[in-house]
Amino acid sequence: MLQREPGWDRVVDALAAARISAVNWSEVAQKALAQAVDIDEKRRDLEALGLAIVPFGIGEADLAAQLWGRTRRHGLSLGDRACLATGILARVRVLTAERAWTKLDVGVRIETIRG
């Protein structure tokens, strides 16, 4: 969304009720810093639009580890599994740009942001 890549509009539409784990926020922040973006300002802007940055606790960590076996053939990273674990435990849908995720059966609804 921040770079207006395909599907960014679907992300904007979901922001009012969206959540992101602190692990995944760290990934976003790192990419923003690489482009000399003020991450404090960016975080405030996104939170003002409704994005909640949520803690990544032991439950999420254990689940992300357990997801490794079911997702490794799809090449999911720790960040990817952190995202899924956060969605699974919160019982909310997960949005992704990765079409391969839609083939996963991990107990959460996964939708691609790109048509």
N, C-alpha and C. Protein backbone atom coordinates (compact mmCIF):
# COMPACT_ATOMS: atom_id res chain seq x y z
N MET A 1 0.82 -1.18 0.00
CA MET A 1 0.00 0.00 0.00
C MET A 1 0.87 1.25 0.00
N LEU A 2 1.92 1.23 0.78
CA LEU A 2 2.74 2.42 0.93
C LEU A 2 3.44 2.82 -0.36
N GLN A 3 3.67 1.84 -1.23
CA GLN A 3 4.34 2.13 -2.50
C GLN A 3 3.38 2.06 -3.68
N ARG A 4 2.08 2.00 -3.38
CA ARG A 4 1.05 1.97 -4.41
C ARG A 4 1.22 0.79 -5.39
N GLU A 5 1.62 -0.34 -4.85
CA GLU A 5 1.75 -1.53 -5.66
C GLU A 5 0.35 -2.09 -5.93
N PRO A 6 0.21 -2.94 -6.94
CA PRO A 6 -1.12 -3.49 -7.24
C PRO A 6 -1.77 -4.09 -5.99
N GLY A 7 -3.04 -3.74 -5.77
CA GLY A 7 -3.79 -4.20 -4.61
C GLY A 7 -3.79 -3.22 -3.46
N TRP A 8 -3.07 -2.12 -3.58
CA TRP A 8 -2.98 -1.15 -2.48
C TRP A 8 -4.35 -0.64 -2.06
N ASP A 9 -5.27 -0.51 -3.02
CA ASP A 9 -6.59 0.01 -2.70
C ASP A 9 -7.38 -0.94 -1.80
N ARG A 10 -7.19 -2.24 -1.95
CA ARG A 10 -7.84 -3.22 -1.08
C ARG A 10 -7.33 -3.08 0.35
N VAL A 11 -6.04 -2.77 0.48
CA VAL A 11 -5.45 -2.58 1.80
C VAL A 11 -6.04 -1.33 2.45
N VAL A 12 -6.13 -0.25 1.71
CA VAL A 12 -6.70 0.99 2.24
C VAL A 12 -8.12 0.74 2.74
N ASP A 13 -8.91 0.00 1.96
CA ASP A 13 -10.29 -0.30 2.35
C ASP A 13 -10.36 -1.11 3.64
N ALA A 14 -9.35 -1.90 3.93
CA ALA A 14 -9.35 -2.77 5.12
C ALA A 14 -8.74 -2.12 6.34
N LEU A 15 -8.08 -0.98 6.19
CA LEU A 15 -7.31 -0.40 7.30
C LEU A 15 -8.13 -0.07 8.54
N ALA A 16 -9.36 0.32 8.37
CA ALA A 16 -10.17 0.74 9.52
C ALA A 16 -10.29 -0.35 10.58
N ALA A 17 -10.22 -1.61 10.17
CA ALA A 17 -10.34 -2.72 11.12
C ALA A 17 -9.10 -3.62 11.09
N ALA A 18 -8.00 -3.13 10.56
CA ALA A 18 -6.82 -3.97 10.35
C ALA A 18 -5.92 -4.02 11.58
N ARG A 19 -5.20 -5.12 11.65
CA ARG A 19 -4.18 -5.28 12.68
C ARG A 19 -2.94 -5.85 12.02
N ILE A 20 -1.80 -5.52 12.60
CA ILE A 20 -0.52 -6.03 12.13
C ILE A 20 0.30 -6.37 13.37
N SER A 21 0.99 -7.49 13.33
CA SER A 21 1.81 -7.85 14.49
C SER A 21 3.02 -6.93 14.57
N ALA A 22 3.57 -6.81 15.74
CA ALA A 22 4.78 -6.00 15.92
C ALA A 22 5.92 -6.53 15.06
N VAL A 23 5.96 -7.85 14.84
CA VAL A 23 6.98 -8.44 13.98
C VAL A 23 6.82 -7.92 12.55
N ASN A 24 5.60 -7.95 12.05
CA ASN A 24 5.37 -7.49 10.68
C ASN A 24 5.51 -5.98 10.56
N TRP A 25 5.14 -5.24 11.62
CA TRP A 25 5.37 -3.81 11.60
C TRP A 25 6.87 -3.52 11.47
N SER A 26 7.68 -4.31 12.14
CA SER A 26 9.12 -4.14 12.06
C SER A 26 9.60 -4.27 10.61
N GLU A 27 9.03 -5.20 9.87
CA GLU A 27 9.38 -5.35 8.45
C GLU A 27 8.98 -4.12 7.65
N VAL A 28 7.78 -3.62 7.90
CA VAL A 28 7.31 -2.41 7.21
C VAL A 28 8.21 -1.24 7.55
N ALA A 29 8.51 -1.09 8.83
CA ALA A 29 9.36 0.03 9.27
C ALA A 29 10.75 -0.05 8.65
N GLN A 30 11.32 -1.23 8.59
CA GLN A 30 12.65 -1.39 7.99
C GLN A 30 12.64 -0.97 6.53
N LYS A 31 11.61 -1.37 5.79
CA LYS A 31 11.52 -0.98 4.37
C LYS A 31 11.33 0.52 4.23
N ALA A 32 10.56 1.11 5.13
CA ALA A 32 10.35 2.56 5.09
C ALA A 32 11.65 3.30 5.41
N LEU A 33 12.37 2.82 6.41
CA LEU A 33 13.65 3.45 6.76
C LEU A 33 14.65 3.37 5.61
N ALA A 34 14.61 2.27 4.86
CA ALA A 34 15.51 2.12 3.71
C ALA A 34 15.23 3.17 2.64
N GLN A 35 14.02 3.72 2.67
CA GLN A 35 13.65 4.77 1.72
C GLN A 35 13.61 6.15 2.39
N ALA A 36 14.24 6.24 3.56
CA ALA A 36 14.35 7.50 4.32
C ALA A 36 12.99 8.08 4.71
N VAL A 37 12.03 7.20 5.00
CA VAL A 37 10.71 7.63 5.45
C VAL A 37 10.72 7.72 6.97
N ASP A 38 10.11 8.74 7.52
CA ASP A 38 9.98 8.91 8.97
C ASP A 38 8.98 7.87 9.47
N ILE A 39 9.48 6.83 10.15
CA ILE A 39 8.57 5.75 10.55
C ILE A 39 7.62 6.14 11.67
N ASP A 40 8.02 7.07 12.52
CA ASP A 40 7.11 7.53 13.57
C ASP A 40 5.90 8.21 12.95
N GLU A 41 6.15 9.06 11.99
CA GLU A 41 5.06 9.75 11.30
C GLU A 41 4.20 8.76 10.52
N LYS A 42 4.85 7.83 9.83
CA LYS A 42 4.12 6.82 9.05
C LYS A 42 3.24 5.98 9.97
N ARG A 43 3.77 5.57 11.12
CA ARG A 43 2.99 4.78 12.07
C ARG A 43 1.78 5.57 12.56
N ARG A 44 1.99 6.83 12.91
CA ARG A 44 0.87 7.66 13.38
C ARG A 44 -0.20 7.79 12.29
N ASP A 45 0.23 8.00 11.05
CA ASP A 45 -0.71 8.12 9.93
C ASP A 45 -1.54 6.84 9.77
N LEU A 46 -0.87 5.70 9.80
CA LEU A 46 -1.57 4.42 9.62
C LEU A 46 -2.49 4.12 10.80
N GLU A 47 -2.05 4.42 12.01
CA GLU A 47 -2.90 4.20 13.18
C GLU A 47 -4.12 5.12 13.13
N ALA A 48 -3.94 6.32 12.62
CA ALA A 48 -5.07 7.25 12.50
C ALA A 48 -6.12 6.71 11.52
N LEU A 49 -5.68 5.90 10.56
CA LEU A 49 -6.60 5.28 9.60
C LEU A 49 -7.24 4.00 10.15
N GLY A 50 -6.81 3.58 11.35
CA GLY A 50 -7.42 2.43 11.99
C GLY A 50 -6.50 1.24 12.21
N LEU A 51 -5.31 1.25 11.64
CA LEU A 51 -4.40 0.12 11.81
C LEU A 51 -3.99 -0.02 13.27
N ALA A 52 -4.11 -1.25 13.79
CA ALA A 52 -3.66 -1.55 15.15
C ALA A 52 -2.39 -2.38 15.05
N ILE A 53 -1.34 -1.94 15.71
CA ILE A 53 -0.10 -2.72 15.80
C ILE A 53 -0.20 -3.50 17.10
N VAL A 54 -0.22 -4.83 16.99
CA VAL A 54 -0.49 -5.67 18.15
C VAL A 54 0.75 -6.44 18.57
N PRO A 55 0.86 -6.74 19.87
CA PRO A 55 2.02 -7.49 20.37
C PRO A 55 2.11 -8.87 19.73
N PHE A 56 3.32 -9.37 19.65
CA PHE A 56 3.58 -10.73 19.18
C PHE A 56 4.10 -11.49 20.39
N GLY A 57 3.20 -12.24 21.00
CA GLY A 57 3.54 -12.93 22.23
C GLY A 57 3.92 -14.38 22.02
N ILE A 58 4.01 -15.10 23.13
CA ILE A 58 4.42 -16.50 23.10
C ILE A 58 3.43 -17.36 22.34
N GLY A 59 2.15 -17.07 22.42
CA GLY A 59 1.15 -17.84 21.68
C GLY A 59 1.35 -17.72 20.18
N GLU A 60 1.57 -16.49 19.74
CA GLU A 60 1.83 -16.26 18.32
C GLU A 60 3.15 -16.90 17.90
N ALA A 61 4.16 -16.79 18.77
CA ALA A 61 5.47 -17.36 18.46
C ALA A 61 5.40 -18.88 18.33
N ASP A 62 4.70 -19.52 19.25
CA ASP A 62 4.56 -20.98 19.17
C ASP A 62 3.80 -21.38 17.91
N LEU A 63 2.72 -20.68 17.61
CA LEU A 63 1.94 -21.01 16.43
C LEU A 63 2.73 -20.78 15.15
N ALA A 64 3.47 -19.69 15.07
CA ALA A 64 4.30 -19.43 13.89
C ALA A 64 5.30 -20.56 13.68
N ALA A 65 5.86 -21.06 14.76
CA ALA A 65 6.80 -22.18 14.66
C ALA A 65 6.08 -23.44 14.18
N GLN A 66 4.89 -23.69 14.71
CA GLN A 66 4.12 -24.87 14.32
C GLN A 66 3.69 -24.80 12.85
N LEU A 67 3.50 -23.62 12.34
CA LEU A 67 3.09 -23.45 10.93
C LEU A 67 4.21 -23.78 9.96
N TRP A 68 5.43 -23.81 10.44
CA TRP A 68 6.57 -24.06 9.55
C TRP A 68 6.39 -25.35 8.75
N GLY A 69 6.03 -26.43 9.41
CA GLY A 69 5.88 -27.71 8.73
C GLY A 69 4.80 -27.71 7.66
N ARG A 70 3.71 -27.00 7.92
CA ARG A 70 2.59 -26.96 6.97
C ARG A 70 2.80 -25.96 5.85
N THR A 71 3.77 -25.07 6.00
CA THR A 71 3.93 -24.01 5.00
C THR A 71 5.28 -24.00 4.31
N ARG A 72 6.20 -24.82 4.76
CA ARG A 72 7.57 -24.72 4.24
C ARG A 72 7.66 -24.99 2.75
N ARG A 73 6.82 -25.87 2.19
CA ARG A 73 6.91 -26.13 0.75
C ARG A 73 6.46 -24.91 -0.06
N HIS A 74 5.79 -23.97 0.60
CA HIS A 74 5.38 -22.73 -0.06
C HIS A 74 6.39 -21.61 0.17
N GLY A 75 7.43 -21.90 0.94
CA GLY A 75 8.51 -20.94 1.14
C GLY A 75 8.19 -19.78 2.06
N LEU A 76 7.27 -19.96 3.01
CA LEU A 76 6.91 -18.86 3.90
C LEU A 76 8.04 -18.55 4.88
N SER A 77 8.28 -17.27 5.06
CA SER A 77 9.30 -16.80 5.99
C SER A 77 8.71 -16.73 7.40
N LEU A 78 9.57 -16.44 8.36
CA LEU A 78 9.09 -16.22 9.72
C LEU A 78 8.09 -15.07 9.74
N GLY A 79 8.36 -14.00 9.03
CA GLY A 79 7.42 -12.88 8.97
C GLY A 79 6.07 -13.29 8.41
N ASP A 80 6.09 -14.12 7.37
CA ASP A 80 4.84 -14.63 6.79
C ASP A 80 4.06 -15.43 7.81
N ARG A 81 4.77 -16.31 8.52
CA ARG A 81 4.11 -17.15 9.53
C ARG A 81 3.65 -16.32 10.73
N ALA A 82 4.36 -15.25 11.03
CA ALA A 82 3.93 -14.34 12.10
C ALA A 82 2.61 -13.70 11.72
N CYS A 83 2.50 -13.30 10.48
CA CYS A 83 1.25 -12.71 9.99
C CYS A 83 0.11 -13.70 10.10
N LEU A 84 0.33 -14.91 9.63
CA LEU A 84 -0.72 -15.94 9.71
C LEU A 84 -1.09 -16.25 11.14
N ALA A 85 -0.10 -16.41 12.01
CA ALA A 85 -0.37 -16.71 13.42
C ALA A 85 -1.21 -15.62 14.06
N THR A 86 -0.90 -14.38 13.76
CA THR A 86 -1.66 -13.26 14.31
C THR A 86 -3.11 -13.33 13.84
N GLY A 87 -3.33 -13.60 12.56
CA GLY A 87 -4.68 -13.71 12.03
C GLY A 87 -5.45 -14.89 12.60
N ILE A 88 -4.77 -16.02 12.71
CA ILE A 88 -5.42 -17.22 13.24
C ILE A 88 -5.89 -17.00 14.67
N LEU A 89 -5.01 -16.49 15.51
CA LEU A 89 -5.37 -16.32 16.92
C LEU A 89 -6.41 -15.22 17.13
N ALA A 90 -6.42 -14.23 16.24
CA ALA A 90 -7.41 -13.15 16.35
C ALA A 90 -8.72 -13.54 15.66
N ARG A 91 -8.69 -14.65 14.91
CA ARG A 91 -9.86 -15.12 14.16
C ARG A 91 -10.35 -14.07 13.16
N VAL A 92 -9.39 -13.53 12.41
CA VAL A 92 -9.72 -12.55 11.38
C VAL A 92 -9.09 -12.99 10.06
N ARG A 93 -9.62 -12.50 8.97
CA ARG A 93 -9.06 -12.85 7.66
C ARG A 93 -7.67 -12.25 7.52
N VAL A 94 -6.89 -12.86 6.67
CA VAL A 94 -5.53 -12.40 6.39
C VAL A 94 -5.47 -11.96 4.94
N LEU A 95 -4.98 -10.74 4.72
CA LEU A 95 -4.79 -10.23 3.36
C LEU A 95 -3.32 -10.38 2.99
N THR A 96 -3.08 -10.76 1.74
CA THR A 96 -1.71 -10.95 1.27
C THR A 96 -1.62 -10.63 -0.21
N ALA A 97 -0.42 -10.34 -0.65
CA ALA A 97 -0.16 -10.20 -2.08
C ALA A 97 0.35 -11.51 -2.67
N GLU A 98 0.55 -12.50 -1.83
CA GLU A 98 1.12 -13.78 -2.24
C GLU A 98 0.01 -14.78 -2.57
N ARG A 99 -0.17 -15.05 -3.85
CA ARG A 99 -1.22 -15.99 -4.28
C ARG A 99 -1.04 -17.39 -3.68
N ALA A 100 0.19 -17.82 -3.48
CA ALA A 100 0.44 -19.16 -2.94
C ALA A 100 -0.23 -19.35 -1.58
N TRP A 101 -0.36 -18.28 -0.82
CA TRP A 101 -0.98 -18.38 0.50
C TRP A 101 -2.42 -18.87 0.41
N THR A 102 -3.12 -18.52 -0.67
CA THR A 102 -4.53 -18.89 -0.78
C THR A 102 -4.72 -20.40 -0.89
N LYS A 103 -3.64 -21.13 -1.15
CA LYS A 103 -3.70 -22.59 -1.22
C LYS A 103 -3.48 -23.23 0.15
N LEU A 104 -3.13 -22.43 1.14
CA LEU A 104 -2.85 -22.96 2.47
C LEU A 104 -4.14 -23.28 3.22
N ASP A 105 -4.11 -24.34 3.99
CA ASP A 105 -5.21 -24.70 4.87
C ASP A 105 -4.68 -24.64 6.30
N VAL A 106 -4.75 -23.44 6.87
CA VAL A 106 -4.16 -23.23 8.20
C VAL A 106 -5.17 -22.72 9.22
N GLY A 107 -6.45 -22.75 8.88
CA GLY A 107 -7.46 -22.36 9.86
C GLY A 107 -7.81 -20.89 9.88
N VAL A 108 -7.51 -20.20 8.79
CA VAL A 108 -7.89 -18.80 8.70
C VAL A 108 -8.21 -18.49 7.24
N ARG A 109 -9.14 -17.56 7.02
CA ARG A 109 -9.46 -17.16 5.65
C ARG A 109 -8.35 -16.26 5.12
N ILE A 110 -7.82 -16.63 3.96
CA ILE A 110 -6.73 -15.88 3.35
C ILE A 110 -7.23 -15.33 2.02
N GLU A 111 -7.06 -14.03 1.83
CA GLU A 111 -7.49 -13.38 0.58
C GLU A 111 -6.32 -12.65 -0.04
N THR A 112 -6.21 -12.75 -1.34
CA THR A 112 -5.18 -12.01 -2.04
C THR A 112 -5.70 -10.60 -2.35
N ILE A 113 -4.83 -9.63 -2.26
CA ILE A 113 -5.23 -8.25 -2.54
C ILE A 113 -5.15 -7.94 -4.02
N ARG A 114 -4.54 -8.86 -4.77
CA ARG A 114 -4.39 -8.65 -6.21
C ARG A 114 -5.33 -9.57 -6.95
N GLY A 115 -6.21 -8.95 -7.76
CA GLY A 115 -7.23 -9.68 -8.52
C GLY A 115 -6.76 -10.75 -9.34
